[in-house]
Protein backbone atom coordinates (compact mmCIF):
# COMPACT_ATOMS: atom_id res chain seq x y z
CA MET A 1 30.21 14.21 19.11
CA PRO A 2 31.10 17.92 19.32
CA GLU A 3 28.33 20.47 18.97
CA GLU A 4 30.29 22.57 16.46
CA MET A 5 30.76 20.39 13.40
CA LYS A 6 33.54 21.16 10.94
CA ILE A 7 32.56 19.48 7.68
CA ASN A 8 35.01 19.09 4.83
CA GLU A 9 33.35 16.31 2.84
CA TYR A 10 29.79 15.17 2.22
CA TYR A 11 29.53 11.44 1.48
CA ALA A 12 25.75 11.28 0.90
CA VAL A 13 22.86 13.75 1.25
CA ALA A 14 19.16 12.89 1.62
CA CYS A 15 16.02 15.04 1.79
CA ALA A 16 12.80 13.75 3.32
CA GLY A 17 9.68 13.77 1.16
CA CYS A 18 11.49 14.39 -2.14
CA GLY A 19 10.32 11.76 -4.63
CA ASP A 20 10.42 7.96 -4.53
CA GLY A 21 14.04 7.11 -5.31
CA CYS A 22 15.57 3.67 -5.03
CA GLY A 23 17.09 4.44 -1.65
CA ALA A 24 20.75 3.66 -2.44
CA ASP A 25 22.10 6.70 -0.55
CA SER A 26 23.56 4.55 2.24
CA LEU A 27 25.59 2.46 -0.22
CA LEU A 28 26.74 5.57 -2.05
CA GLY A 29 27.81 7.13 1.23
CA GLU A 30 29.81 4.09 2.33
CA VAL A 31 31.56 3.77 -1.04
CA ARG A 32 32.48 7.46 -1.14
CA ARG A 33 33.66 7.28 2.48
CA SER A 34 35.98 4.39 1.54
CA PHE A 35 37.37 6.41 -1.37
CA PHE A 36 38.17 9.53 0.64
CA THR A 37 39.45 7.77 3.76
CA GLY A 38 41.54 5.47 1.59
CA GLY A 39 43.65 8.32 0.30
CA GLY A 40 42.00 8.46 -3.11
CA LYS A 41 42.61 4.80 -3.91
CA THR A 42 40.19 3.44 -6.52
CA VAL A 43 37.12 1.68 -5.05
CA ARG A 44 35.14 -0.71 -7.21
CA GLY A 45 32.51 -3.39 -6.72
CA SER A 46 29.15 -4.92 -7.52
CA VAL A 47 26.45 -5.14 -4.86
CA SER A 48 23.03 -6.86 -4.93
CA SER A 49 20.34 -5.65 -2.53
CA MET A 50 16.58 -5.56 -1.98
CA VAL A 51 14.90 -2.16 -2.26
CA ASP A 52 11.15 -1.90 -1.64
CA GLY A 53 10.84 -5.63 -2.27
CA ARG A 54 12.76 -5.55 -5.55
CA ALA A 55 16.18 -6.89 -6.46
CA VAL A 56 18.62 -4.06 -7.30
CA ARG A 57 22.20 -4.47 -8.54
CA THR A 58 24.70 -1.63 -8.28
CA LYS A 59 28.04 -1.59 -10.09
CA TYR A 60 30.51 1.18 -9.27
CA ARG A 61 34.06 2.43 -9.67
CA ILE A 62 35.33 5.60 -8.03
CA GLY A 63 38.90 6.80 -8.44
CA THR A 64 40.99 9.75 -9.52
CA LYS A 65 39.24 11.24 -12.57
CA CYS A 66 36.92 8.24 -12.69
CA PHE A 67 33.33 8.09 -11.44
CA ARG A 68 31.15 5.22 -12.62
CA TRP A 69 27.95 4.25 -10.89
CA LYS A 70 24.93 2.34 -12.21
CA SER A 71 22.01 0.78 -10.31
CA THR A 72 19.55 -1.40 -12.20
CA CYS A 73 16.40 -3.39 -11.46
CA GLY A 74 15.99 -5.81 -14.34
CA LYS A 75 15.99 -3.67 -17.47
CA LEU A 76 15.14 -0.53 -15.52
CA THR A 77 18.02 1.87 -14.75
CA LEU A 78 17.57 3.56 -11.39
CA GLU A 79 20.86 5.46 -11.00
CA GLU A 80 23.61 6.30 -13.45
CA VAL A 81 26.55 8.73 -13.63
CA PHE A 82 27.16 10.92 -16.70
CA PRO A 83 30.23 13.13 -17.37
CA ILE A 84 29.39 16.80 -17.93
CA LYS A 85 31.43 19.90 -18.79
CA ASP A 86 34.61 20.95 -16.97
CA GLY A 87 35.27 17.35 -15.95
CA PHE A 88 32.32 17.32 -13.56
CA TYR A 89 29.91 14.40 -13.04
CA ARG A 90 26.16 14.11 -12.62
CA LEU A 91 24.49 11.18 -10.87
CA VAL A 92 20.88 10.94 -12.09
CA ALA A 93 18.34 8.89 -10.09
CA HIS A 94 14.89 7.63 -11.12
CA GLY A 95 12.22 5.93 -9.05
CA PHE A 96 10.74 2.54 -9.88
CA SER A 97 7.98 4.42 -11.70
CA GLY A 98 10.57 5.79 -14.11
CA ARG A 99 10.01 9.35 -12.93
CA LEU A 100 13.08 11.55 -12.43
CA PHE A 101 13.91 11.75 -8.76
CA SER A 102 17.16 13.67 -8.34
CA ALA A 103 20.39 14.82 -9.98
CA GLN A 104 23.59 15.10 -7.93
CA THR A 105 26.57 17.13 -9.15
CA TYR A 106 30.22 16.35 -8.29
CA ASP A 107 33.42 18.13 -9.30
CA ARG A 108 36.41 16.44 -10.89
CA ALA A 109 37.85 15.64 -7.43
CA MET A 110 34.63 13.79 -6.50
CA HIS A 111 33.47 16.46 -4.03
CA TRP A 112 29.70 16.81 -3.72
CA LEU A 113 28.46 20.20 -4.92
CA GLN A 114 24.67 20.03 -5.01
CA THR A 115 21.57 17.85 -5.40
CA ALA A 116 18.48 18.90 -7.32
CA PHE A 117 15.19 17.17 -6.47
CA TYR A 118 12.30 16.88 -8.94
CA ASP A 119 8.60 16.51 -8.31
CA GLY A 120 6.99 15.58 -11.62
CA ASP A 121 8.54 18.35 -13.72
CA ALA A 122 11.77 17.05 -15.26
CA ALA A 123 12.48 20.47 -16.79
CA CYS A 124 12.81 22.28 -13.46
CA PRO A 125 13.65 21.00 -9.96
CA SER A 126 11.37 21.74 -7.03
CA LEU A 127 14.21 21.94 -4.51
CA ILE A 128 18.00 22.29 -4.59
CA LEU A 129 20.47 21.59 -1.78
CA ARG A 130 23.78 23.34 -2.44
CA ARG A 131 27.09 23.06 -0.64
CA SER A 132 28.41 26.11 1.17
CA GLU A 133 31.17 26.68 3.72
CA ASN A 134 30.40 24.25 6.57
CA CYS A 135 26.67 24.49 5.83
CA MET A 136 24.06 24.09 3.08
CA VAL A 137 21.87 26.42 1.10
CA ARG A 138 18.34 25.27 0.38
CA LEU A 139 16.61 26.71 -2.69
CA ARG A 140 12.90 25.92 -2.83
CA ARG A 141 10.78 26.82 -5.86
CA THR A 142 7.65 28.80 -4.99
CA PRO A 143 4.29 28.53 -6.80
CA GLU A 144 5.13 31.84 -8.50
CA GLY A 145 8.25 30.29 -10.03
CA THR A 146 10.77 32.18 -7.88
CA TRP A 147 13.34 30.63 -5.53
CA GLU A 148 13.19 30.85 -1.75
CA ARG A 149 16.70 30.75 -0.23
CA THR A 150 17.34 29.36 3.28
CA LEU A 151 20.64 28.75 5.07
CA LEU A 152 20.81 25.34 6.82
CA LEU A 153 23.32 24.71 9.61
CA PRO A 154 24.69 21.32 10.71
CA CYS A 155 23.64 19.71 13.95
CA PRO A 156 24.69 16.32 15.43
CA TRP A 157 22.43 13.48 14.28
CA GLU A 158 22.28 10.18 16.17
CA PRO A 159 19.56 8.05 14.56
CA ALA A 160 17.97 5.09 16.35
CA THR A 161 18.79 6.44 19.82
CA ALA A 162 16.47 7.40 22.66
CA ALA A 163 18.09 10.83 22.90
CA GLN A 164 17.49 11.59 19.23
CA SER A 165 13.88 10.40 19.46
CA ARG A 166 13.23 12.75 22.38
CA ILE A 167 14.83 15.67 20.54
CA ASN A 168 12.78 14.95 17.41
CA ALA A 169 9.60 14.77 19.48
CA LYS A 170 10.16 18.34 20.63
CA ALA A 171 11.98 19.89 17.67
CA GLY A 172 10.48 17.88 14.81
CA VAL A 173 12.07 15.51 12.31
CA PRO A 174 14.70 17.34 10.22
CA GLU A 175 14.21 17.63 6.48
CA VAL A 176 17.85 17.15 5.47
CA VAL A 177 20.34 14.58 6.78
CA ALA A 178 23.81 13.71 5.51
CA GLN A 179 26.79 11.41 5.99
CA THR A 180 29.89 13.56 6.40
CA ASP A 181 33.52 13.25 7.46
CA ALA A 182 32.49 14.86 10.77
CA GLY A 183 29.84 12.19 11.37
CA ALA A 184 26.13 11.99 10.68
CA ALA A 185 24.46 15.41 10.67
CA CYS A 186 21.07 16.95 10.18
CA PHE A 187 20.70 20.41 8.66
CA CYS A 188 18.17 22.97 9.87
CA THR A 189 17.65 26.68 10.33
CA ALA A 190 19.57 28.64 12.96
CA GLU A 191 16.51 28.79 15.23
CA ALA A 192 15.86 25.06 14.96
CA ARG A 193 19.54 24.29 15.52
CA LYS A 194 19.54 26.40 18.69
CA LEU A 195 16.59 24.41 20.05
CA ARG A 196 18.20 21.07 19.18
CA LEU A 197 21.47 21.96 20.90
CA LYS A 198 19.57 23.16 23.96
CA LEU A 199 17.69 19.84 24.17
CA ARG A 200 20.95 17.90 23.80
CA ALA A 201 22.49 19.90 26.63
CA GLU A 202 19.51 19.18 28.88
CA LEU A 203 19.86 15.45 28.23
CA ARG A 204 23.55 15.53 29.09
CA GLU A 205 22.84 17.30 32.38
CA ASP A 206 19.98 14.99 33.31
CA PRO A 207 20.18 11.58 31.59
CA ALA A 208 17.28 10.41 33.76
CA MET A 209 14.98 12.32 31.41
CA LEU A 210 15.27 9.37 29.03
CA ARG A 211 13.85 6.95 31.59
CA PRO A 212 10.13 6.25 31.24
CA ALA A 213 8.01 7.95 33.88
CA TRP A 214 5.07 5.85 35.02
CA ALA A 215 2.13 7.63 36.58
CA SER A 216 1.48 6.53 40.14
CA VAL A 217 -1.98 5.00 40.51
CA PRO A 218 -3.61 3.63 43.67
CA TYR A 219 -3.72 -0.14 43.92
CA GLU A 220 -7.14 -1.60 43.34
CA LYS A 221 -8.01 -5.18 44.06
CA LEU A 222 -9.47 -6.89 41.01
CA GLU A 223 -12.17 -9.54 41.24
CA PHE A 224 -12.50 -11.88 38.28
CA LYS A 225 -15.62 -13.82 37.45
CA VAL A 226 -15.73 -16.67 34.97
CA MET A 227 -18.38 -16.18 32.30
CA PRO A 228 -18.98 -19.53 30.52
CA ASN A 229 -19.78 -19.67 26.85
CA ASP A 230 -22.24 -22.56 26.99
CA GLY A 231 -24.93 -21.01 29.16
CA THR A 232 -24.17 -23.15 32.23
CA ALA A 233 -24.48 -21.72 35.69
CA VAL A 234 -21.62 -20.15 37.61
CA LYS A 235 -21.47 -20.74 41.34
CA ALA A 236 -21.37 -17.65 43.50
CA PRO A 237 -18.33 -17.13 45.79
CA ALA A 238 -18.59 -18.66 49.23
CA GLY A 239 -20.58 -16.54 51.65
CA LYS A 240 -22.27 -14.54 48.90
CA SER A 241 -25.62 -15.06 47.25
CA ALA A 242 -25.95 -14.66 43.51
CA ALA A 243 -28.53 -12.10 42.41
CA LYS A 244 -31.05 -13.72 40.10
CA VAL A 245 -32.17 -11.66 37.14
CA LYS A 246 -34.96 -12.77 34.82
CA THR A 247 -34.85 -12.39 31.03
CA ALA A 248 -37.16 -9.93 29.36
CA LYS A 249 -40.01 -11.01 27.12
CA GLN A 250 -39.06 -11.84 23.56
CA GLY A 251 -39.91 -8.81 21.48
CA ALA A 252 -38.30 -6.16 23.69
CA PRO A 253 -35.87 -3.82 21.90
CA ALA A 254 -32.11 -3.83 22.46
CA GLN A 255 -31.86 -1.23 25.24
CA GLY A 256 -31.24 -3.89 27.90
CA LEU A 257 -32.20 -4.33 31.55
CA LYS A 258 -31.06 -2.39 34.55
CA THR A 259 -30.34 -4.28 37.75
CA GLU A 260 -29.36 -2.83 41.09
CA ASN A 261 -28.83 -4.45 44.49
CA ARG A 262 -30.23 -2.32 47.30
CA ASN A 263 -29.77 -4.01 50.69
CA GLY A 264 -31.02 -7.35 49.45
CA ARG A 265 -33.52 -5.85 47.00
CA TYR A 266 -33.10 -5.64 43.27
CA TYR A 267 -34.92 -3.88 40.46
CA VAL A 268 -35.50 -5.22 36.96
CA ALA A 269 -36.78 -2.96 34.19
CA ALA A 270 -37.17 -3.18 30.43
CA LYS A 271 -38.31 -0.61 27.90
CA GLY A 272 -41.30 -1.74 25.91
CA LEU A 273 -42.03 -1.02 22.28
CA SER A 274 -44.13 1.99 23.28
CA GLY A 275 -41.22 3.47 25.19
CA GLY A 276 -42.69 2.78 28.61
CA VAL A 277 -40.84 0.98 31.39
CA LYS A 278 -41.98 -2.40 32.68
CA GLY A 279 -40.55 -3.94 35.82
CA ALA A 280 -41.00 -5.12 39.37
CA PHE A 281 -39.31 -4.95 42.75
CA GLY A 282 -38.39 -8.05 44.69
CA LYS A 283 -36.53 -9.06 47.82
CA GLY A 284 -33.32 -11.01 47.72
CA GLY A 285 -33.96 -14.63 46.83
CA GLU A 286 -37.38 -13.95 45.30
CA GLU A 287 -37.87 -14.64 41.61
CA THR A 288 -39.69 -11.56 40.47
CA GLY A 289 -39.22 -10.26 36.94
CA VAL A 290 -40.78 -9.48 33.59
CA GLY A 291 -40.03 -12.65 31.64
CA GLY A 292 -39.30 -16.34 31.72
CA GLU A 293 -36.81 -17.80 34.15
CA GLN A 294 -33.32 -19.03 33.30
CA SER A 295 -31.84 -21.11 36.11
CA GLY A 296 -28.33 -20.74 37.50
CA GLY A 297 -26.36 -18.14 39.42
CA LEU A 298 -25.46 -16.23 36.23
CA ILE A 299 -28.23 -15.63 33.74
CA SER A 300 -28.85 -13.26 30.89
CA ALA A 301 -29.57 -9.64 31.67
CA LYS A 302 -31.35 -8.94 28.43
CA ARG A 303 -32.93 -10.77 25.53
CA ILE A 304 -32.43 -8.87 22.26
CA VAL A 305 -34.69 -9.57 19.31
CA ALA A 306 -32.54 -9.65 16.16
CA THR A 307 -34.90 -11.28 13.65
CA SER A 308 -38.42 -12.57 13.52
CA ILE A 309 -37.23 -16.14 14.02
CA GLY A 310 -34.51 -15.75 16.61
CA SER A 311 -33.20 -13.69 19.50
CA TYR A 312 -29.84 -12.98 21.13
CA ILE A 313 -29.05 -12.95 24.82
CA TYR A 314 -26.72 -10.40 26.43
CA PHE A 315 -24.49 -11.00 29.44
CA GLY A 316 -22.74 -8.04 30.94
CA ARG A 317 -22.96 -4.60 32.48
CA LEU A 318 -25.85 -2.25 31.83
CA LEU A 319 -26.16 1.48 32.40
CA ASN A 320 -29.50 3.27 32.19
CA GLY A 321 -30.96 0.29 30.38
CA MET A 322 -28.18 0.24 27.77
CA ARG A 323 -25.33 -2.20 27.25
CA GLU A 324 -22.20 -0.53 28.63
CA GLY A 325 -18.62 -1.66 29.17
CA TYR A 326 -17.51 -5.25 28.67
CA GLY A 327 -20.18 -7.75 27.69
CA ARG A 328 -21.08 -10.78 25.62
CA THR A 329 -23.94 -11.36 23.20
CA GLN A 330 -25.00 -14.98 22.72
CA ALA A 331 -26.64 -16.35 19.58
CA PRO A 332 -29.72 -18.62 19.72
CA ASN A 333 -27.51 -21.69 19.20
CA GLY A 334 -25.56 -20.87 22.38
CA ARG A 335 -22.43 -19.66 20.62
CA THR A 336 -20.95 -16.21 21.23
CA ALA A 337 -21.89 -13.66 18.57
CA TYR A 338 -19.84 -10.76 19.96
CA GLU A 339 -17.66 -10.25 23.00
CA GLY A 340 -16.03 -6.96 23.85
CA GLY A 341 -16.78 -3.33 24.58
CA TYR A 342 -20.11 -1.55 24.40
CA SER A 343 -21.10 2.09 24.72
CA ALA A 344 -24.71 3.33 24.84
CA GLY A 345 -25.92 -0.06 23.63
CA LYS A 346 -23.60 -0.27 20.63
CA ARG A 347 -20.33 -2.11 20.02
CA ASP A 348 -17.51 0.29 20.86
CA GLY A 349 -13.81 -0.14 21.60
CA PHE A 350 -12.07 -3.49 21.24
CA GLY A 351 -14.19 -6.53 20.47
CA VAL A 352 -14.39 -9.90 18.77
CA TYR A 353 -17.17 -10.75 16.32
CA TYR A 354 -17.98 -14.36 15.35
CA TYR A 355 -19.66 -16.09 12.43
CA LYS A 356 -22.72 -18.26 13.18
CA SER A 357 -20.44 -21.29 12.83
CA GLY A 358 -18.47 -20.09 15.83
CA LYS A 359 -15.38 -19.12 13.82
CA ILE A 360 -13.87 -15.67 14.32
CA CYS A 361 -15.00 -13.06 11.79
CA TYR A 362 -13.31 -9.88 13.04
CA VAL A 363 -11.00 -8.86 15.89
CA GLY A 364 -10.28 -5.19 16.46
CA GLY A 365 -11.71 -1.76 17.05
CA TRP A 366 -15.37 -0.72 16.89
CA LYS A 367 -17.24 2.57 16.91
CA GLN A 368 -21.00 3.03 16.82
CA ASP A 369 -21.56 -0.65 15.92
CA LEU A 370 -19.13 -0.41 12.96
CA ARG A 371 -15.57 -1.64 12.49
CA HIS A 372 -13.28 1.32 13.17
CA GLY A 373 -9.55 1.61 13.82
CA PHE A 374 -7.08 -1.25 13.52
CA GLY A 375 -8.46 -4.75 13.09
CA VAL A 376 -8.10 -8.21 11.57
CA ALA A 377 -10.86 -9.77 9.44
CA PHE A 378 -11.22 -13.40 8.34
CA GLY A 379 -13.04 -14.28 5.12
CA ALA A 380 -16.01 -16.62 5.51
CA LYS A 381 -15.80 -18.30 2.10
CA ASP A 382 -12.14 -18.52 1.14
CA GLY A 383 -10.45 -18.10 4.51
CA SER A 384 -8.55 -15.02 3.37
CA LEU A 385 -7.15 -12.58 5.94
CA PHE A 386 -7.06 -8.78 6.06
CA VAL A 387 -4.92 -6.85 8.54
CA GLY A 388 -5.24 -3.09 8.54
CA HIS A 389 -7.26 -0.02 9.30
CA TRP A 390 -11.03 0.44 9.16
CA LYS A 391 -13.36 3.41 9.11
CA GLY A 392 -17.15 3.35 9.18
CA GLY A 393 -17.23 -0.42 8.77
CA CYS A 394 -15.00 -0.53 5.66
CA ALA A 395 -11.29 -1.12 5.13
CA THR A 396 -9.87 2.40 4.78
CA GLY A 397 -6.22 3.38 5.13
CA GLU A 398 -3.17 1.13 5.09
CA GLY A 399 -3.86 -2.60 5.00
CA THR A 400 -2.51 -5.99 3.91
CA GLU A 401 -4.42 -8.89 2.36
CA PHE A 402 -3.39 -12.57 2.65
CA SER A 403 -4.72 -15.74 1.04
CA ALA A 404 -6.07 -18.69 3.04
CA GLY A 405 -2.64 -20.29 2.79
CA GLY A 406 -0.89 -17.24 4.23
CA SER A 407 0.49 -15.91 0.95
CA LEU A 408 0.74 -12.14 0.59
CA LEU A 409 -1.75 -10.83 -1.99
CA TYR A 410 -1.69 -7.04 -1.62
CA THR A 411 -0.33 -4.37 0.68
CA GLY A 412 -1.00 -0.67 0.44
CA GLY A 413 -3.85 1.81 0.53
CA TRP A 414 -7.57 1.06 0.84
CA LYS A 415 -10.75 3.14 0.73
CA ASP A 416 -14.31 1.95 1.38
CA GLY A 417 -13.19 -1.67 1.16
CA LEU A 418 -11.41 -1.30 -2.19
CA ARG A 419 -7.76 -0.92 -3.11
CA HIS A 420 -7.08 2.79 -3.34
CA GLY A 421 -3.83 4.77 -3.37
CA ARG A 422 -0.29 3.45 -3.61
CA GLY A 423 -0.01 -0.33 -3.29
CA THR A 424 1.69 -3.52 -4.44
CA GLU A 425 0.04 -6.73 -5.64
CA TYR A 426 1.75 -10.13 -5.17
CA ASN A 427 1.35 -13.65 -6.49
CA GLY A 428 3.36 -16.57 -5.18
CA GLY A 429 5.67 -14.28 -3.26
CA ARG A 430 6.55 -12.22 -6.33
CA ILE A 431 5.45 -8.73 -7.23
CA VAL A 432 2.79 -8.64 -9.94
CA ARG A 433 2.44 -4.88 -10.16
CA SER A 434 3.14 -1.85 -8.02
CA GLY A 435 1.72 1.60 -8.40
CA PHE A 436 -1.53 3.46 -7.83
CA TRP A 437 -5.09 2.17 -7.47
CA GLU A 438 -8.43 3.93 -7.51
CA ASN A 439 -11.67 2.33 -6.37
CA GLY A 440 -10.22 -1.15 -6.84
CA LYS A 441 -8.81 -0.52 -10.33
CA PHE A 442 -5.10 -0.37 -11.14
CA LEU A 443 -4.15 2.96 -12.75
CA GLY A 444 -0.44 2.38 -13.38
CA VAL A 445 2.92 3.07 -11.88
CA SER A 446 2.46 6.85 -11.93
CA GLY A 447 -1.20 7.06 -10.99
CA GLY A 448 -2.09 9.07 -14.05
CA GLY A 449 0.09 12.04 -13.10
CA GLY A 450 -1.55 13.10 -9.88
CA SER A 451 -4.85 11.30 -9.89
CA ALA A 452 -7.18 11.05 -6.97
CA ALA A 453 -5.42 7.86 -5.94
CA GLU A 454 -2.19 9.72 -5.37
CA LYS A 455 -3.71 12.40 -3.21
């Protein structure tokens, strides 16, 4: 594709972040392309498609002095063309919420002239893209009510390619893209265009830049040890003796034990309730410790008192008396309670948490003993499933909820464990309602005109 683009016709124009339209720009572009490349021969048809999970039907007819276009979703009209003065046409688009999204203007010869985008105020657009000679003019409304004018120049646009992804990573994602007779193009300022063309030139000179570069790391031999889940002993490798570590007395807090091998000697220590350290030295093979013995080559490093009637046993690495790195906590019944990462004695990083029955409760990220990051949770009572983001132990961010049978129930925003923000509720595979939620309550398709759920 040449760097200097000579554009005579715009088939479809889109602007990122401008409303929630039905997304039929690609169909419009293909139909208009067929009309212009076909020598002005009338193009007509009826197309059914799925847009944001909803069935949309578009009927159209484009010919000389004839422009008909109508997209509907049930009884809701999403796009429709209206004739205006001087033989011009206006294609008005609404989102599924019914809010005005955009208005495109075409002349009597079907050439695109401009698109006005609206953001809640149907009386005045927030942004206008206007055709100029081989470029576009962007008019953006300021808070003071004036218009800020910017000239946008075309630049080659190759979506879904490694080269374009690399350029976007350095130059940013363009605001305006279009289908034109000169090919797909993005429109940006002169400075941004200069940077994009420079990056394209660099990729042409050195295509190897698109190959992934892996950091060279020294090879390290890994030694794996099997850690059984039933408390049975693990035999030490041939020629090596297994260090025996005693469990601490029941009643010690959760800081853990510290064990070190020093030329056949080891040290066992536990912090008491008063904060003091209790422990003893012993030579290799001796059974010296601060608690009862658990036989076998692999035994618990720490007994953690969780309740007055039970205690949990920890297997894993310890640092300064605290659980650190990968480890496993075992419940009194012998089942695993948690297995994964620890930091300073608390669950941290990736880990798996189990119910007392042994079934998985949660798989995902942790931070300071709380669910944090991306994770999957399984309901204890109904077997429901949640896949999404967590913060401070609660579902917060984007997430999806499924029933025990695998049916989709809800997908969208969450906050503190409740539906919050834009989301869609389902029942039996069909949409029940879609719009905005706040603290678990459905507000409506428009969110109350800029409620807290929309922010």
